């Protein structure tokens, strides 16, 4: 599915960064940044423009190809890596920031990925993510898991528990207008989360 979507003309989720990422970039730890399930590279390329040393990963080769094209068009360099979050090795204590925007996973995989994120952060490193909540179905917006995948939506308590070893900077469920290409648009319910690993 993702190769098909990312092979369509243009950029499925646009070329501008996620709004929450743009708003909170100053809170991210500068340095090496990993963007997980990064699609076609909109967040990674923007972070590179802000001076981060960015690696984008996604399961879709087509998506990573579009990410490289976007980086070239913007005059920045990013590293890309094709991988599956089920077994993707993020390393340990190596990333200054990790970004995961609308990365909706089944519960067991979600907890595994979030635990690996916490381990992969360097001391003082930050994680930023945004995801749809179950309340998304109360709004007309388009994006996120379908109703039969309700267990792939996130909540604030869930994220606080998943990242309980980190210092939470921001954790809020909110309703906002999401305008990110043709697949994420309209008013919807999201959770926004930012936390820091102790040690700096």
C-alpha atoms as a PDB file:
ATOM      1  CA  UNK A   1       0.000   0.000   0.000  1.00  0.00           C
ATOM      2  CA  UNK A   2       2.660   2.517   1.007  1.00  0.00           C
ATOM      3  CA  UNK A   3       4.758   2.034  -2.128  1.00  0.00           C
ATOM      4  CA  UNK A   4       1.618   2.579  -4.201  1.00  0.00           C
ATOM      5  CA  UNK A   5       0.686   5.708  -2.284  1.00  0.00           C
ATOM      6  CA  UNK A   6       4.178   7.159  -2.338  1.00  0.00           C
ATOM      7  CA  UNK A   7       4.538   6.438  -6.064  1.00  0.00           C
ATOM      8  CA  UNK A   8       1.577   8.669  -6.898  1.00  0.00           C
ATOM      9  CA  UNK A   9       2.374  12.053  -8.469  1.00  0.00           C
ATOM     10  CA  UNK A  10       3.251  14.721  -5.920  1.00  0.00           C
ATOM     11  CA  UNK A  11       3.560  14.243  -2.176  1.00  0.00           C
ATOM     12  CA  UNK A  12       0.823  12.342  -0.346  1.00  0.00           C
ATOM     13  CA  UNK A  13       1.161  14.376   2.861  1.00  0.00           C
ATOM     14  CA  UNK A  14       2.560  17.533   1.327  1.00  0.00           C
ATOM     15  CA  UNK A  15       6.077  18.921   1.561  1.00  0.00           C
ATOM     16  CA  UNK A  16       5.702  21.093   4.655  1.00  0.00           C
ATOM     17  CA  UNK A  17       6.525  19.839   8.155  1.00  0.00           C
ATOM     18  CA  UNK A  18       4.003  18.744  10.725  1.00  0.00           C
ATOM     19  CA  UNK A  19       2.593  21.729  12.650  1.00  0.00           C
ATOM     20  CA  UNK A  20       3.452  20.390  16.111  1.00  0.00           C
ATOM     21  CA  UNK A  21       7.027  19.699  15.010  1.00  0.00           C
ATOM     22  CA  UNK A  22       7.329  23.233  13.653  1.00  0.00           C
ATOM     23  CA  UNK A  23       5.939  24.690  16.879  1.00  0.00           C
ATOM     24  CA  UNK A  24       8.246  22.755  19.212  1.00  0.00           C
ATOM     25  CA  UNK A  25      11.464  22.378  17.220  1.00  0.00           C
ATOM     26  CA  UNK A  26      13.272  24.691  19.635  1.00  0.00           C
ATOM     27  CA  UNK A  27      12.696  22.090  22.373  1.00  0.00           C
ATOM     28  CA  UNK A  28      14.421  19.320  20.432  1.00  0.00           C
ATOM     29  CA  UNK A  29      17.976  18.365  21.323  1.00  0.00           C
ATOM     30  CA  UNK A  30      20.253  19.510  18.522  1.00  0.00           C
ATOM     31  CA  UNK A  31      22.448  17.009  16.700  1.00  0.00           C
ATOM     32  CA  UNK A  32      21.619  13.597  15.249  1.00  0.00           C
ATOM     33  CA  UNK A  33      17.909  13.198  14.535  1.00  0.00           C
ATOM     34  CA  UNK A  34      16.041  10.051  13.485  1.00  0.00           C
ATOM     35  CA  UNK A  35      12.658  10.417  11.761  1.00  0.00           C
ATOM     36  CA  UNK A  36      10.701   7.148  11.981  1.00  0.00           C
ATOM     37  CA  UNK A  37       8.191   6.001   9.350  1.00  0.00           C
ATOM     38  CA  UNK A  38       9.009   9.251   7.597  1.00  0.00           C
ATOM     39  CA  UNK A  39       7.098   8.600   4.389  1.00  0.00           C
ATOM     40  CA  UNK A  40       8.271  11.019   1.706  1.00  0.00           C
ATOM     41  CA  UNK A  41      10.552  13.084   3.891  1.00  0.00           C
ATOM     42  CA  UNK A  42       8.685  16.312   4.622  1.00  0.00           C
ATOM     43  CA  UNK A  43       9.680  16.450   8.293  1.00  0.00           C
ATOM     44  CA  UNK A  44      13.213  15.147   7.757  1.00  0.00           C
ATOM     45  CA  UNK A  45      13.999  17.656   5.034  1.00  0.00           C
ATOM     46  CA  UNK A  46      12.637  20.542   7.086  1.00  0.00           C
ATOM     47  CA  UNK A  47      14.700  19.454  10.102  1.00  0.00           C
ATOM     48  CA  UNK A  48      17.793  19.332   7.897  1.00  0.00           C
ATOM     49  CA  UNK A  49      17.006  22.904   6.876  1.00  0.00           C
ATOM     50  CA  UNK A  50      17.016  23.797  10.587  1.00  0.00           C
ATOM     51  CA  UNK A  51      20.524  22.357  10.969  1.00  0.00           C
ATOM     52  CA  UNK A  52      19.838  18.846  12.265  1.00  0.00           C
ATOM     53  CA  UNK A  53      21.862  15.848  11.072  1.00  0.00           C
ATOM     54  CA  UNK A  54      18.881  13.807   9.893  1.00  0.00           C
ATOM     55  CA  UNK A  55      18.297  10.157   9.086  1.00  0.00           C
ATOM     56  CA  UNK A  56      14.882   9.299   7.658  1.00  0.00           C
ATOM     57  CA  UNK A  57      13.625   5.711   7.743  1.00  0.00           C
ATOM     58  CA  UNK A  58      10.535   4.142   6.244  1.00  0.00           C
ATOM     59  CA  UNK A  59       9.438   0.723   5.026  1.00  0.00           C
ATOM     60  CA  UNK A  60       8.741   2.132   1.554  1.00  0.00           C
ATOM     61  CA  UNK A  61      11.607   2.439  -0.941  1.00  0.00           C
ATOM     62  CA  UNK A  62       9.362   4.689  -3.044  1.00  0.00           C
ATOM     63  CA  UNK A  63       8.870   6.993  -0.081  1.00  0.00           C
ATOM     64  CA  UNK A  64      12.572   7.233   0.634  1.00  0.00           C
ATOM     65  CA  UNK A  65      13.265   7.989  -3.029  1.00  0.00           C
ATOM     66  CA  UNK A  66      10.803  10.900  -2.851  1.00  0.00           C
ATOM     67  CA  UNK A  67      12.508  12.035   0.377  1.00  0.00           C
ATOM     68  CA  UNK A  68      15.886  12.164  -1.355  1.00  0.00           C
ATOM     69  CA  UNK A  69      14.362  14.097  -4.262  1.00  0.00           C
ATOM     70  CA  UNK A  70      12.783  16.592  -1.873  1.00  0.00           C
ATOM     71  CA  UNK A  71      16.084  17.070  -0.045  1.00  0.00           C
ATOM     72  CA  UNK A  72      17.914  17.773  -3.319  1.00  0.00           C
ATOM     73  CA  UNK A  73      15.236  20.253  -4.370  1.00  0.00           C
ATOM     74  CA  UNK A  74      15.654  22.089  -1.060  1.00  0.00           C
ATOM     75  CA  UNK A  75      19.451  22.043  -1.144  1.00  0.00           C
ATOM     76  CA  UNK A  76      19.960  19.904   1.962  1.00  0.00           C
ATOM     77  CA  UNK A  77      21.320  16.443   2.675  1.00  0.00           C
ATOM     78  CA  UNK A  78      19.573  13.676   4.600  1.00  0.00           C
ATOM     79  CA  UNK A  79      20.431  10.015   5.090  1.00  0.00           C
ATOM     80  CA  UNK A  80      17.687   7.531   4.208  1.00  0.00           C
ATOM     81  CA  UNK A  81      17.174   3.973   5.319  1.00  0.00           C
ATOM     82  CA  UNK A  82      14.537   1.452   4.295  1.00  0.00           C
ATOM     83  CA  UNK A  83      13.465  -0.737   7.204  1.00  0.00           C
ATOM     84  CA  UNK A  84      10.608  -2.367   9.054  1.00  0.00           C
ATOM     85  CA  UNK A  85       9.764  -1.027  12.506  1.00  0.00           C
ATOM     86  CA  UNK A  86       9.105  -4.600  13.631  1.00  0.00           C
ATOM     87  CA  UNK A  87      12.868  -5.225  13.742  1.00  0.00           C
ATOM     88  CA  UNK A  88      14.514  -1.881  12.993  1.00  0.00           C
ATOM     89  CA  UNK A  89      17.616  -1.422  15.146  1.00  0.00           C
ATOM     90  CA  UNK A  90      17.766   2.160  16.388  1.00  0.00           C
ATOM     91  CA  UNK A  91      20.878   1.546  18.457  1.00  0.00           C
ATOM     92  CA  UNK A  92      21.382   2.551  22.067  1.00  0.00           C
ATOM     93  CA  UNK A  93      22.117   6.040  23.342  1.00  0.00           C
ATOM     94  CA  UNK A  94      22.952   7.383  19.887  1.00  0.00           C
ATOM     95  CA  UNK A  95      20.231   9.862  18.827  1.00  0.00           C
ATOM     96  CA  UNK A  96      19.851  13.396  20.108  1.00  0.00           C
ATOM     97  CA  UNK A  97      16.251  13.526  18.874  1.00  0.00           C
ATOM     98  CA  UNK A  98      13.746  11.047  17.492  1.00  0.00           C
ATOM     99  CA  UNK A  99      10.601  12.187  15.680  1.00  0.00           C
ATOM    100  CA  UNK A 100       7.556  10.012  14.959  1.00  0.00           C
ATOM    101  CA  UNK A 101       4.660  11.778  13.250  1.00  0.00           C
ATOM    102  CA  UNK A 102       1.414   9.817  12.796  1.00  0.00           C
ATOM    103  CA  UNK A 103       3.162   6.456  13.248  1.00  0.00           C
ATOM    104  CA  UNK A 104       0.151   4.291  14.126  1.00  0.00           C
ATOM    105  CA  UNK A 105       1.063   0.767  15.153  1.00  0.00           C
ATOM    106  CA  UNK A 106      -0.683  -2.269  16.661  1.00  0.00           C
ATOM    107  CA  UNK A 107      -0.373  -2.231  20.482  1.00  0.00           C
ATOM    108  CA  UNK A 108       2.399  -4.815  20.880  1.00  0.00           C
ATOM    109  CA  UNK A 109       4.527  -3.232  18.176  1.00  0.00           C
ATOM    110  CA  UNK A 110       3.827   0.253  19.521  1.00  0.00           C
ATOM    111  CA  UNK A 111       5.159  -0.597  22.968  1.00  0.00           C
ATOM    112  CA  UNK A 112       8.207  -2.293  21.436  1.00  0.00           C
ATOM    113  CA  UNK A 113       8.995   0.680  19.198  1.00  0.00           C
ATOM    114  CA  UNK A 114       8.510   3.190  22.003  1.00  0.00           C
ATOM    115  CA  UNK A 115      10.792   1.184  24.304  1.00  0.00           C
ATOM    116  CA  UNK A 116      13.434   1.106  21.567  1.00  0.00           C
ATOM    117  CA  UNK A 117      13.070   4.871  21.082  1.00  0.00           C
ATOM    118  CA  UNK A 118      13.755   5.454  24.778  1.00  0.00           C
ATOM    119  CA  UNK A 119      16.835   3.228  24.662  1.00  0.00           C
ATOM    120  CA  UNK A 120      18.090   4.818  21.455  1.00  0.00           C
ATOM    121  CA  UNK A 121      18.060   8.365  22.813  1.00  0.00           C
ATOM    122  CA  UNK A 122      21.314   9.788  24.084  1.00  0.00           C
ATOM    123  CA  UNK A 123      21.296  11.321  27.576  1.00  0.00           C
ATOM    124  CA  UNK A 124      19.388  14.584  27.291  1.00  0.00           C
ATOM    125  CA  UNK A 125      17.850  13.407  24.014  1.00  0.00           C
ATOM    126  CA  UNK A 126      14.277  14.261  23.087  1.00  0.00           C
ATOM    127  CA  UNK A 127      11.388  12.425  21.467  1.00  0.00           C
ATOM    128  CA  UNK A 128       8.548  14.241  19.715  1.00  0.00           C
ATOM    129  CA  UNK A 129       5.455  12.590  18.312  1.00  0.00           C
ATOM    130  CA  UNK A 130       1.924  13.330  17.241  1.00  0.00           C
ATOM    131  CA  UNK A 131      -0.806  10.785  16.602  1.00  0.00           C
ATOM    132  CA  UNK A 132      -4.558  10.536  16.258  1.00  0.00           C
ATOM    133  CA  UNK A 133      -6.639   9.666  19.326  1.00  0.00           C
ATOM    134  CA  UNK A 134      -9.800   7.524  19.463  1.00  0.00           C
ATOM    135  CA  UNK A 135     -11.816  10.773  19.451  1.00  0.00           C
ATOM    136  CA  UNK A 136     -10.827  11.301  15.807  1.00  0.00           C
ATOM    137  CA  UNK A 137     -13.976   9.433  14.830  1.00  0.00           C
ATOM    138  CA  UNK A 138     -16.071  12.277  16.305  1.00  0.00           C
ATOM    139  CA  UNK A 139     -14.731  14.678  13.672  1.00  0.00           C
ATOM    140  CA  UNK A 140     -15.002  14.872   9.880  1.00  0.00           C
ATOM    141  CA  UNK A 141     -11.272  15.024   9.216  1.00  0.00           C
ATOM    142  CA  UNK A 142      -9.492  12.466   7.052  1.00  0.00           C
ATOM    143  CA  UNK A 143      -6.408  10.626   8.242  1.00  0.00           C
ATOM    144  CA  UNK A 144      -5.201   8.054  10.702  1.00  0.00           C
ATOM    145  CA  UNK A 145      -6.332   4.488  11.330  1.00  0.00           C
ATOM    146  CA  UNK A 146      -9.784   3.393  10.146  1.00  0.00           C
ATOM    147  CA  UNK A 147     -12.465   2.522  12.675  1.00  0.00           C
ATOM    148  CA  UNK A 148     -11.612  -1.187  12.594  1.00  0.00           C
ATOM    149  CA  UNK A 149      -8.077  -0.300  13.752  1.00  0.00           C
ATOM    150  CA  UNK A 150      -9.111   1.703  16.791  1.00  0.00           C
ATOM    151  CA  UNK A 151      -6.355   0.018  18.814  1.00  0.00           C
ATOM    152  CA  UNK A 152      -3.781   1.849  16.681  1.00  0.00           C
ATOM    153  CA  UNK A 153      -4.827   5.248  17.976  1.00  0.00           C
ATOM    154  CA  UNK A 154      -2.941   6.817  20.903  1.00  0.00           C
ATOM    155  CA  UNK A 155      -3.919   8.547  24.140  1.00  0.00           C
ATOM    156  CA  UNK A 156      -2.046  10.793  26.531  1.00  0.00           C
ATOM    157  CA  UNK A 157      -1.976   8.235  29.398  1.00  0.00           C
ATOM    158  CA  UNK A 158      -0.753   5.576  26.979  1.00  0.00           C
ATOM    159  CA  UNK A 159       2.226   7.684  25.900  1.00  0.00           C
ATOM    160  CA  UNK A 160       3.109   8.731  29.436  1.00  0.00           C
ATOM    161  CA  UNK A 161       3.157   5.053  30.384  1.00  0.00           C
ATOM    162  CA  UNK A 162       5.130   3.999  27.298  1.00  0.00           C
ATOM    163  CA  UNK A 163       7.800   6.625  28.035  1.00  0.00           C
ATOM    164  CA  UNK A 164       7.676   6.501  31.830  1.00  0.00           C
ATOM    165  CA  UNK A 165      11.483   6.637  32.087  1.00  0.00           C
ATOM    166  CA  UNK A 166      11.597  10.027  30.357  1.00  0.00           C
ATOM    167  CA  UNK A 167      10.840  13.517  31.649  1.00  0.00           C
ATOM    168  CA  UNK A 168       7.634  14.706  29.995  1.00  0.00           C
ATOM    169  CA  UNK A 169       7.821  18.234  28.613  1.00  0.00           C
ATOM    170  CA  UNK A 170       4.446  18.313  26.874  1.00  0.00           C
ATOM    171  CA  UNK A 171       1.611  15.793  26.676  1.00  0.00           C
ATOM    172  CA  UNK A 172      -1.780  16.972  25.506  1.00  0.00           C
ATOM    173  CA  UNK A 173      -4.825  15.657  23.709  1.00  0.00           C
ATOM    174  CA  UNK A 174      -6.321  18.382  21.546  1.00  0.00           C
ATOM    175  CA  UNK A 175      -8.537  19.049  18.570  1.00  0.00           C
ATOM    176  CA  UNK A 176      -6.973  20.877  15.643  1.00  0.00           C
ATOM    177  CA  UNK A 177      -7.158  21.387  11.900  1.00  0.00           C
ATOM    178  CA  UNK A 178      -4.725  19.016  10.212  1.00  0.00           C
ATOM    179  CA  UNK A 179      -3.711  20.166   6.742  1.00  0.00           C
ATOM    180  CA  UNK A 180      -1.034  17.810   5.430  1.00  0.00           C
ATOM    181  CA  UNK A 181      -1.613  16.837   1.827  1.00  0.00           C
ATOM    182  CA  UNK A 182      -4.606  14.959   0.496  1.00  0.00           C
ATOM    183  CA  UNK A 183      -4.545  12.126   3.041  1.00  0.00           C
ATOM    184  CA  UNK A 184      -4.430  14.179   6.271  1.00  0.00           C
ATOM    185  CA  UNK A 185      -6.880  17.046   6.239  1.00  0.00           C
ATOM    186  CA  UNK A 186      -9.709  18.450   8.288  1.00  0.00           C
ATOM    187  CA  UNK A 187     -10.535  18.962  11.930  1.00  0.00           C
ATOM    188  CA  UNK A 188      -9.530  16.004  14.078  1.00  0.00           C
ATOM    189  CA  UNK A 189      -8.444  14.829  17.516  1.00  0.00           C
ATOM    190  CA  UNK A 190      -4.743  14.266  18.176  1.00  0.00           C
ATOM    191  CA  UNK A 191      -2.300  13.736  20.999  1.00  0.00           C
ATOM    192  CA  UNK A 192       0.955  15.700  21.026  1.00  0.00           C
ATOM    193  CA  UNK A 193       3.899  14.463  23.072  1.00  0.00           C
ATOM    194  CA  UNK A 194       7.406  15.706  23.811  1.00  0.00           C
ATOM    195  CA  UNK A 195       9.773  14.208  26.388  1.00  0.00           C
ATOM    196  CA  UNK A 196      13.435  14.260  27.342  1.00  0.00           C
ATOM    197  CA  UNK A 197      15.736  11.491  28.493  1.00  0.00           C
ATOM    198  CA  UNK A 198      17.380  12.246  31.843  1.00  0.00           C
ATOM    199  CA  UNK A 199      21.115  12.646  32.032  1.00  0.00           C
ATOM    200  CA  UNK A 200      21.914  16.148  30.822  1.00  0.00           C
END
